[in-house]
PDB file of N, CA and C in Angstrom:
ATOM      1  N   MET A   1       1.239  22.165  -3.752  1.00  0.00           N
ATOM      2  CA  MET A   1       2.526  22.939  -4.163  1.00  0.00           C
ATOM      3  C   MET A   1       3.587  22.301  -3.364  1.00  0.00           C
ATOM      4  N   VAL A   2       3.675  22.172  -1.979  1.00  0.00           N
ATOM      5  CA  VAL A   2       4.665  21.613  -1.265  1.00  0.00           C
ATOM      6  C   VAL A   2       4.810  20.192  -1.726  1.00  0.00           C
ATOM      7  N   HIS A   3       3.803  19.461  -1.916  1.00  0.00           N
ATOM      8  CA  HIS A   3       3.825  18.023  -2.219  1.00  0.00           C
ATOM      9  C   HIS A   3       4.526  17.968  -3.594  1.00  0.00           C
ATOM     10  N   THR A   4       4.403  18.768  -4.551  1.00  0.00           N
ATOM     11  CA  THR A   4       5.076  18.755  -5.785  1.00  0.00           C
ATOM     12  C   THR A   4       6.552  19.120  -5.525  1.00  0.00           C
ATOM     13  N   LYS A   5       6.768  19.985  -4.802  1.00  0.00           N
ATOM     14  CA  LYS A   5       8.265  20.448  -4.410  1.00  0.00           C
ATOM     15  C   LYS A   5       8.986  19.247  -3.728  1.00  0.00           C
ATOM     16  N   LEU A   6       8.412  18.638  -2.890  1.00  0.00           N
ATOM     17  CA  LEU A   6       8.884  17.492  -2.184  1.00  0.00           C
ATOM     18  C   LEU A   6       9.055  16.264  -3.185  1.00  0.00           C
ATOM     19  N   ASN A   7       8.315  16.088  -3.949  1.00  0.00           N
ATOM     20  CA  ASN A   7       8.385  14.982  -5.024  1.00  0.00           C
ATOM     21  C   ASN A   7       9.596  15.325  -5.875  1.00  0.00           C
ATOM     22  N   SER A   8       9.827  16.645  -6.204  1.00  0.00           N
ATOM     23  CA  SER A   8      10.967  16.927  -7.158  1.00  0.00           C
ATOM     24  C   SER A   8      12.183  16.807  -6.450  1.00  0.00           C
ATOM     25  N   PHE A   9      12.343  17.062  -5.167  1.00  0.00           N
ATOM     26  CA  PHE A   9      13.495  16.983  -4.345  1.00  0.00           C
ATOM     27  C   PHE A   9      13.828  15.512  -4.257  1.00  0.00           C
ATOM     28  N   ILE A  10      12.947  14.605  -3.993  1.00  0.00           N
ATOM     29  CA  ILE A  10      13.055  13.227  -3.829  1.00  0.00           C
ATOM     30  C   ILE A  10      13.725  12.689  -5.267  1.00  0.00           C
ATOM     31  N   ARG A  11      13.015  13.079  -6.296  1.00  0.00           N
ATOM     32  CA  ARG A  11      13.438  12.593  -7.774  1.00  0.00           C
ATOM     33  C   ARG A  11      14.897  12.959  -7.989  1.00  0.00           C
ATOM     34  N   TYR A  12      15.193  14.199  -7.427  1.00  0.00           N
ATOM     35  CA  TYR A  12      16.672  14.785  -7.706  1.00  0.00           C
ATOM     36  C   TYR A  12      17.562  13.892  -6.848  1.00  0.00           C
ATOM     37  N   LEU A  13      17.232  13.559  -5.616  1.00  0.00           N
ATOM     38  CA  LEU A  13      18.223  12.729  -4.740  1.00  0.00           C
ATOM     39  C   LEU A  13      18.387  11.332  -5.374  1.00  0.00           C
ATOM     40  N   GLN A  14      17.258  10.958  -5.828  1.00  0.00           N
ATOM     41  CA  GLN A  14      17.488   9.331  -6.366  1.00  0.00           C
ATOM     42  C   GLN A  14      18.188   9.489  -7.792  1.00  0.00           C
ATOM     43  N   ALA A  15      18.109  10.488  -8.417  1.00  0.00           N
ATOM     44  CA  ALA A  15      18.672  10.382  -9.779  1.00  0.00           C
ATOM     45  C   ALA A  15      20.221  10.638  -9.827  1.00  0.00           C
ATOM     46  N   GLU A  16      20.722  11.382  -8.740  1.00  0.00           N
ATOM     47  CA  GLU A  16      22.149  11.766  -8.613  1.00  0.00           C
ATOM     48  C   GLU A  16      22.820  10.574  -8.330  1.00  0.00           C
ATOM     49  N   ASN A  17      24.177  10.539  -8.811  1.00  0.00           N
ATOM     50  CA  ASN A  17      25.059   9.443  -8.530  1.00  0.00           C
ATOM     51  C   ASN A  17      25.996   9.734  -7.098  1.00  0.00           C
ATOM     52  N   TYR A  18      25.950   8.861  -6.218  1.00  0.00           N
ATOM     53  CA  TYR A  18      26.681   9.052  -4.868  1.00  0.00           C
ATOM     54  C   TYR A  18      27.666   8.008  -4.865  1.00  0.00           C
ATOM     55  N   ASN A  19      28.919   8.375  -4.356  1.00  0.00           N
ATOM     56  CA  ASN A  19      30.004   7.372  -4.181  1.00  0.00           C
ATOM     57  C   ASN A  19      30.545   7.550  -2.940  1.00  0.00           C
ATOM     58  N   THR A  20      31.044   6.528  -2.186  1.00  0.00           N
ATOM     59  CA  THR A  20      31.727   6.610  -0.887  1.00  0.00           C
ATOM     60  C   THR A  20      33.157   7.092  -1.351  1.00  0.00           C
ATOM     61  N   GLU A  21      33.932   7.353  -0.363  1.00  0.00           N
ATOM     62  CA  GLU A  21      35.330   7.668  -0.444  1.00  0.00           C
ATOM     63  C   GLU A  21      36.205   6.580  -1.129  1.00  0.00           C
ATOM     64  N   SER A  22      35.735   5.266  -0.959  1.00  0.00           N
ATOM     65  CA  SER A  22      36.435   4.056  -1.550  1.00  0.00           C
ATOM     66  C   SER A  22      35.834   3.804  -2.945  1.00  0.00           C
ATOM     67  N   GLY A  23      35.000   4.673  -3.385  1.00  0.00           N
ATOM     68  CA  GLY A  23      34.442   4.417  -4.716  1.00  0.00           C
ATOM     69  C   GLY A  23      33.312   3.611  -4.862  1.00  0.00           C
ATOM     70  N   LYS A  24      32.805   3.040  -3.748  1.00  0.00           N
ATOM     71  CA  LYS A  24      31.497   2.161  -3.863  1.00  0.00           C
ATOM     72  C   LYS A  24      30.288   3.226  -4.186  1.00  0.00           C
ATOM     73  N   LYS A  25      29.515   2.558  -5.094  1.00  0.00           N
ATOM     74  CA  LYS A  25      28.191   3.518  -5.546  1.00  0.00           C
ATOM     75  C   LYS A  25      27.160   3.176  -4.569  1.00  0.00           C
ATOM     76  N   LEU A  26      26.479   4.317  -4.260  1.00  0.00           N
ATOM     77  CA  LEU A  26      25.343   4.257  -3.177  1.00  0.00           C
ATOM     78  C   LEU A  26      24.012   4.658  -4.002  1.00  0.00           C
ATOM     79  N   HIS A  27      22.934   4.054  -3.629  1.00  0.00           N
ATOM     80  CA  HIS A  27      21.684   4.344  -4.154  1.00  0.00           C
ATOM     81  C   HIS A  27      20.765   5.018  -2.937  1.00  0.00           C
ATOM     82  N   VAL A  28      20.244   6.094  -3.335  1.00  0.00           N
ATOM     83  CA  VAL A  28      19.398   6.895  -2.310  1.00  0.00           C
ATOM     84  C   VAL A  28      18.051   6.743  -2.510  1.00  0.00           C
ATOM     85  N   SER A  29      17.357   6.440  -1.443  1.00  0.00           N
ATOM     86  CA  SER A  29      15.847   6.446  -1.586  1.00  0.00           C
ATOM     87  C   SER A  29      15.292   7.219  -0.393  1.00  0.00           C
ATOM     88  N   CYS A  30      14.248   7.836  -0.421  1.00  0.00           N
ATOM     89  CA  CYS A  30      13.629   8.369   0.701  1.00  0.00           C
ATOM     90  C   CYS A  30      12.080   8.727   0.565  1.00  0.00           C
ATOM     91  N   SER A  31      11.520   8.888   1.720  1.00  0.00           N
ATOM     92  CA  SER A  31      10.024   9.137   1.578  1.00  0.00           C
ATOM     93  C   SER A  31       9.755  10.472   2.290  1.00  0.00           C
ATOM     94  N   GLY A  32       8.614  10.931   2.337  1.00  0.00           N
ATOM     95  CA  GLY A  32       8.357  12.153   3.106  1.00  0.00           C
ATOM     96  C   GLY A  32       6.991  12.245   3.619  1.00  0.00           C
ATOM     97  N   GLY A  33       6.636  13.045   4.585  1.00  0.00           N
ATOM     98  CA  GLY A  33       5.414  13.211   5.180  1.00  0.00           C
ATOM     99  C   GLY A  33       5.129  14.720   5.263  1.00  0.00           C
ATOM    100  N   ILE A  34       3.973  15.118   4.893  1.00  0.00           N
ATOM    101  CA  ILE A  34       3.390  16.408   5.059  1.00  0.00           C
ATOM    102  C   ILE A  34       2.156  16.721   5.667  1.00  0.00           C
ATOM    103  N   ALA A  35       2.086  17.720   6.407  1.00  0.00           N
ATOM    104  CA  ALA A  35       0.858  18.132   7.124  1.00  0.00           C
ATOM    105  C   ALA A  35       0.739  19.533   7.128  1.00  0.00           C
ATOM    106  N   ASP A  36      -0.530  20.069   6.904  1.00  0.00           N
ATOM    107  CA  ASP A  36      -0.902  21.550   6.727  1.00  0.00           C
ATOM    108  C   ASP A  36      -1.128  22.026   8.227  1.00  0.00           C
ATOM    109  N   SER A  37      -0.457  22.929   8.639  1.00  0.00           N
ATOM    110  CA  SER A  37      -0.699  23.696   9.985  1.00  0.00           C
ATOM    111  C   SER A  37      -2.039  24.051  10.182  1.00  0.00           C
ATOM    112  N   HIS A  38      -2.675  24.481   9.056  1.00  0.00           N
ATOM    113  CA  HIS A  38      -4.127  25.008   9.119  1.00  0.00           C
ATOM    114  C   HIS A  38      -5.024  23.933   9.577  1.00  0.00           C
ATOM    115  N   ASN A  39      -4.710  22.719   9.452  1.00  0.00           N
ATOM    116  CA  ASN A  39      -5.494  21.525   9.880  1.00  0.00           C
ATOM    117  C   ASN A  39      -5.407  21.058  11.315  1.00  0.00           C
ATOM    118  N   PHE A  40      -4.413  21.598  11.980  1.00  0.00           N
ATOM    119  CA  PHE A  40      -4.025  21.149  13.306  1.00  0.00           C
ATOM    120  C   PHE A  40      -3.968  22.367  14.252  1.00  0.00           C
ATOM    121  N   GLY A  41      -4.167  22.309  15.453  1.00  0.00           N
ATOM    122  CA  GLY A  41      -4.306  23.183  16.495  1.00  0.00           C
ATOM    123  C   GLY A  41      -2.996  23.879  16.926  1.00  0.00           C
ATOM    124  N   THR A  42      -1.930  22.953  17.161  1.00  0.00           N
ATOM    125  CA  THR A  42      -0.619  23.558  17.505  1.00  0.00           C
ATOM    126  C   THR A  42       0.482  22.985  16.740  1.00  0.00           C
ATOM    127  N   ILE A  43       1.683  23.690  16.911  1.00  0.00           N
ATOM    128  CA  ILE A  43       2.819  23.277  15.990  1.00  0.00           C
ATOM    129  C   ILE A  43       3.147  21.683  16.392  1.00  0.00           C
ATOM    130  N   TYR A  44       2.891  21.363  17.707  1.00  0.00           N
ATOM    131  CA  TYR A  44       3.329  20.145  17.917  1.00  0.00           C
ATOM    132  C   TYR A  44       2.310  19.076  17.380  1.00  0.00           C
ATOM    133  N   GLU A  45       1.034  19.398  17.165  1.00  0.00           N
ATOM    134  CA  GLU A  45       0.035  18.449  16.588  1.00  0.00           C
ATOM    135  C   GLU A  45       0.435  18.389  15.000  1.00  0.00           C
ATOM    136  N   THR A  46       0.956  19.556  14.531  1.00  0.00           N
ATOM    137  CA  THR A  46       1.306  19.539  13.015  1.00  0.00           C
ATOM    138  C   THR A  46       2.513  18.737  12.779  1.00  0.00           C
ATOM    139  N   VAL A  47       3.550  18.785  13.668  1.00  0.00           N
ATOM    140  CA  VAL A  47       4.684  17.907  13.709  1.00  0.00           C
ATOM    141  C   VAL A  47       4.324  16.535  13.710  1.00  0.00           C
ATOM    142  N   ARG A  48       3.407  16.116  14.677  1.00  0.00           N
ATOM    143  CA  ARG A  48       3.160  14.775  14.771  1.00  0.00           C
ATOM    144  C   ARG A  48       2.313  14.182  13.682  1.00  0.00           C
ATOM    145  N   ALA A  49       1.433  15.022  13.114  1.00  0.00           N
ATOM    146  CA  ALA A  49       0.624  14.681  11.913  1.00  0.00           C
ATOM    147  C   ALA A  49       1.607  14.494  10.655  1.00  0.00           C
ATOM    148  N   ALA A  50       2.588  15.282  10.476  1.00  0.00           N
ATOM    149  CA  ALA A  50       3.675  15.005   9.384  1.00  0.00           C
ATOM    150  C   ALA A  50       4.367  13.857   9.841  1.00  0.00           C
ATOM    151  N   ASP A  51       4.808  13.538  10.893  1.00  0.00           N
ATOM    152  CA  ASP A  51       5.372  12.252  11.255  1.00  0.00           C
ATOM    153  C   ASP A  51       4.677  11.103  10.989  1.00  0.00           C
ATOM    154  N   ASP A  52       3.292  11.207  11.492  1.00  0.00           N
ATOM    155  CA  ASP A  52       2.392  10.061  10.944  1.00  0.00           C
ATOM    156  C   ASP A  52       2.246   9.876   9.492  1.00  0.00           C
ATOM    157  N   ALA A  53       2.277  10.950   8.788  1.00  0.00           N
ATOM    158  CA  ALA A  53       2.202  10.794   7.205  1.00  0.00           C
ATOM    159  C   ALA A  53       3.588  10.158   6.768  1.00  0.00           C
ATOM    160  N   LEU A  54       4.684  10.506   7.394  1.00  0.00           N
ATOM    161  CA  LEU A  54       5.934   9.861   6.958  1.00  0.00           C
ATOM    162  C   LEU A  54       5.749   8.397   7.101  1.00  0.00           C
ATOM    163  N   TYR A  55       5.323   7.923   8.278  1.00  0.00           N
ATOM    164  CA  TYR A  55       5.091   6.463   8.513  1.00  0.00           C
ATOM    165  C   TYR A  55       4.201   5.780   7.576  1.00  0.00           C
ATOM    166  N   GLN A  56       3.081   6.536   7.132  1.00  0.00           N
ATOM    167  CA  GLN A  56       2.141   5.979   6.224  1.00  0.00           C
ATOM    168  C   GLN A  56       2.826   5.854   4.851  1.00  0.00           C
ATOM    169  N   ALA A  57       3.695   6.879   4.455  1.00  0.00           N
ATOM    170  CA  ALA A  57       4.382   6.816   3.451  1.00  0.00           C
ATOM    171  C   ALA A  57       5.363   5.544   3.295  1.00  0.00           C
ATOM    172  N   LYS A  58       6.032   5.353   4.336  1.00  0.00           N
ATOM    173  CA  LYS A  58       7.024   4.229   4.506  1.00  0.00           C
ATOM    174  C   LYS A  58       6.186   2.936   4.373  1.00  0.00           C
ATOM    175  N   LYS A  59       5.078   2.904   4.930  1.00  0.00           N
ATOM    176  CA  LYS A  59       4.265   1.633   5.057  1.00  0.00           C
ATOM    177  C   LYS A  59       3.882   1.136   3.689  1.00  0.00           C
ATOM    178  N   LYS A  60       3.643   2.228   2.777  1.00  0.00           N
ATOM    179  CA  LYS A  60       3.334   1.871   1.426  1.00  0.00           C
ATOM    180  C   LYS A  60       4.284   1.535   0.498  1.00  0.00           C
ATOM    181  N   GLY A  61       5.671   1.651   0.907  1.00  0.00           N
ATOM    182  CA  GLY A  61       6.663   1.378   0.074  1.00  0.00           C
ATOM    183  C   GLY A  61       7.860   2.584  -0.017  1.00  0.00           C
ATOM    184  N   LYS A  62       8.865   2.237  -0.759  1.00  0.00           N
ATOM    185  CA  LYS A  62      10.051   3.149  -0.970  1.00  0.00           C
ATOM    186  C   LYS A  62       9.479   4.239  -1.845  1.00  0.00           C
ATOM    187  N   ALA A  63      10.247   5.422  -1.730  1.00  0.00           N
ATOM    188  CA  ALA A  63      10.025   6.629  -2.398  1.00  0.00           C
ATOM    189  C   ALA A  63       8.570   7.044  -2.718  1.00  0.00           C
ATOM    190  N   ARG A  64       8.031   7.365  -1.358  1.00  0.00           N
ATOM    191  CA  ARG A  64       6.567   7.709  -1.440  1.00  0.00           C
ATOM    192  C   ARG A  64       6.619   9.068  -0.672  1.00  0.00           C
ATOM    193  N   VAL A  65       5.503   9.834  -0.824  1.00  0.00           N
ATOM    194  CA  VAL A  65       5.192  11.068  -0.258  1.00  0.00           C
ATOM    195  C   VAL A  65       3.588  10.900   0.231  1.00  0.00           C
ATOM    196  N   ALA A  66       3.508  11.230   1.633  1.00  0.00           N
ATOM    197  CA  ALA A  66       2.103  11.095   2.142  1.00  0.00           C
ATOM    198  C   ALA A  66       1.687  12.450   2.630  1.00  0.00           C
ATOM    199  N   VAL A  67       0.452  12.744   2.445  1.00  0.00           N
ATOM    200  CA  VAL A  67      -0.064  14.057   3.108  1.00  0.00           C
ATOM    201  C   VAL A  67      -1.219  13.653   4.076  1.00  0.00           C
ATOM    202  N   ASN A  68      -0.957  14.329   5.270  1.00  0.00           N
ATOM    203  CA  ASN A  68      -1.995  14.149   6.488  1.00  0.00           C
ATOM    204  C   ASN A  68      -2.874  15.232   6.273  1.00  0.00           C
ATOM    205  N   SER A  69      -4.081  15.134   5.961  1.00  0.00           N
ATOM    206  CA  SER A  69      -5.069  16.303   5.748  1.00  0.00           C
ATOM    207  C   SER A  69      -6.018  16.343   7.093  1.00  0.00           C
ATOM    208  N   ALA A  70      -5.755  15.707   8.132  1.00  0.00           N
ATOM    209  CA  ALA A  70      -6.622  15.591   9.261  1.00  0.00           C
ATOM    210  C   ALA A  70      -7.792  14.656   9.016  1.00  0.00           C
ATOM    211  N   SER A  71      -8.135  14.522   7.754  1.00  0.00           N
ATOM    212  CA  SER A  71      -9.383  13.559   7.426  1.00  0.00           C
ATOM    213  C   SER A  71      -8.875  12.407   6.818  1.00  0.00           C
ATOM    214  N   GLY A  72      -7.399  12.208   6.701  1.00  0.00           N
ATOM    215  CA  GLY A  72      -6.995  10.844   6.026  1.00  0.00           C
ATOM    216  C   GLY A  72      -5.718  11.082   5.472  1.00  0.00           C
ATOM    217  N   PHE A  73      -5.105  10.050   4.957  1.00  0.00           N
ATOM    218  CA  PHE A  73      -3.765  10.116   4.251  1.00  0.00           C
ATOM    219  C   PHE A  73      -3.985   9.854   2.796  1.00  0.00           C
ATOM    220  N   VAL A  74      -3.166  10.647   2.043  1.00  0.00           N
ATOM    221  CA  VAL A  74      -3.029  10.308   0.626  1.00  0.00           C
ATOM    222  C   VAL A  74      -1.584  10.189   0.336  1.00  0.00           C
ATOM    223  N   ALA A  75      -1.268   8.995  -0.201  1.00  0.00           N
ATOM    224  CA  ALA A  75       0.070   8.593  -0.501  1.00  0.00           C
ATOM    225  C   ALA A  75       0.537   8.346  -1.993  1.00  0.00           C
ATOM    226  N   GLU A  76       1.561   8.858  -2.454  1.00  0.00           N
ATOM    227  CA  GLU A  76       1.942   8.727  -3.870  1.00  0.00           C
ATOM    228  C   GLU A  76       3.293   8.391  -4.114  1.00  0.00           C
ATOM    229  N   LYS A  77       3.459   7.445  -5.027  1.00  0.00           N
ATOM    230  CA  LYS A  77       4.791   7.021  -5.465  1.00  0.00           C
ATOM    231  C   LYS A  77       5.584   8.166  -6.245  1.00  0.00           C
ATOM    232  N   VAL A  78       6.820   8.224  -5.969  1.00  0.00           N
ATOM    233  CA  VAL A  78       7.609   9.309  -6.589  1.00  0.00           C
ATOM    234  C   VAL A  78       8.256   8.667  -7.845  1.00  0.00           C
ATOM    235  N   LYS A  79       8.196   9.153  -9.048  1.00  0.00           N
ATOM    236  CA  LYS A  79       8.751   8.517 -10.212  1.00  0.00           C
ATOM    237  C   LYS A  79      10.012   9.440 -10.502  1.00  0.00           C
ATOM    238  N   VAL A  80      11.062   8.617 -10.725  1.00  0.00           N
ATOM    239  CA  VAL A  80      12.374   9.182 -11.043  1.00  0.00           C
ATOM    240  C   VAL A  80      12.614   9.687 -12.404  1.00  0.00           C
ATOM    241  N   ASP A  81      11.699   9.401 -13.378  1.00  0.00           N
ATOM    242  CA  ASP A  81      11.761   9.558 -14.834  1.00  0.00           C
ATOM    243  C   ASP A  81      11.979  10.991 -15.052  1.00  0.00           C
ATOM    244  N   SER A  82      11.531  11.995 -14.311  1.00  0.00           N
ATOM    245  CA  SER A  82      11.388  13.376 -14.732  1.00  0.00           C
ATOM    246  C   SER A  82      12.130  14.320 -13.879  1.00  0.00           C
ATOM    247  N   VAL A  83      13.449  14.128 -13.566  1.00  0.00           N
ATOM    248  CA  VAL A  83      14.162  15.156 -12.948  1.00  0.00           C
ATOM    249  C   VAL A  83      14.438  16.395 -13.625  1.00  0.00           C
ATOM    250  N   GLN A  84      14.270  17.470 -13.108  1.00  0.00           N
ATOM    251  CA  GLN A  84      14.462  18.797 -13.611  1.00  0.00           C
ATOM    252  C   GLN A  84      15.734  19.404 -13.262  1.00  0.00           C
TER     253      GLN A  84
END
């Protein structure tokens, strides 16, 4: 569920048009990392796991979301074609 919401948020950010005050167009790209607190003992471990997932997502390329499930990472490319 959170994974889907983060994908939607990233698609929204990428689909929007952004301009600087001088009128220059900007392209936004971002990646995200997710960790479930039920899989880790403390909040610090959970934040660290989410941070590790973010680095895994970035390692796979732009516009990715990775989930750290304590047993490994799952990374997925975010598609921009279906913004709601």
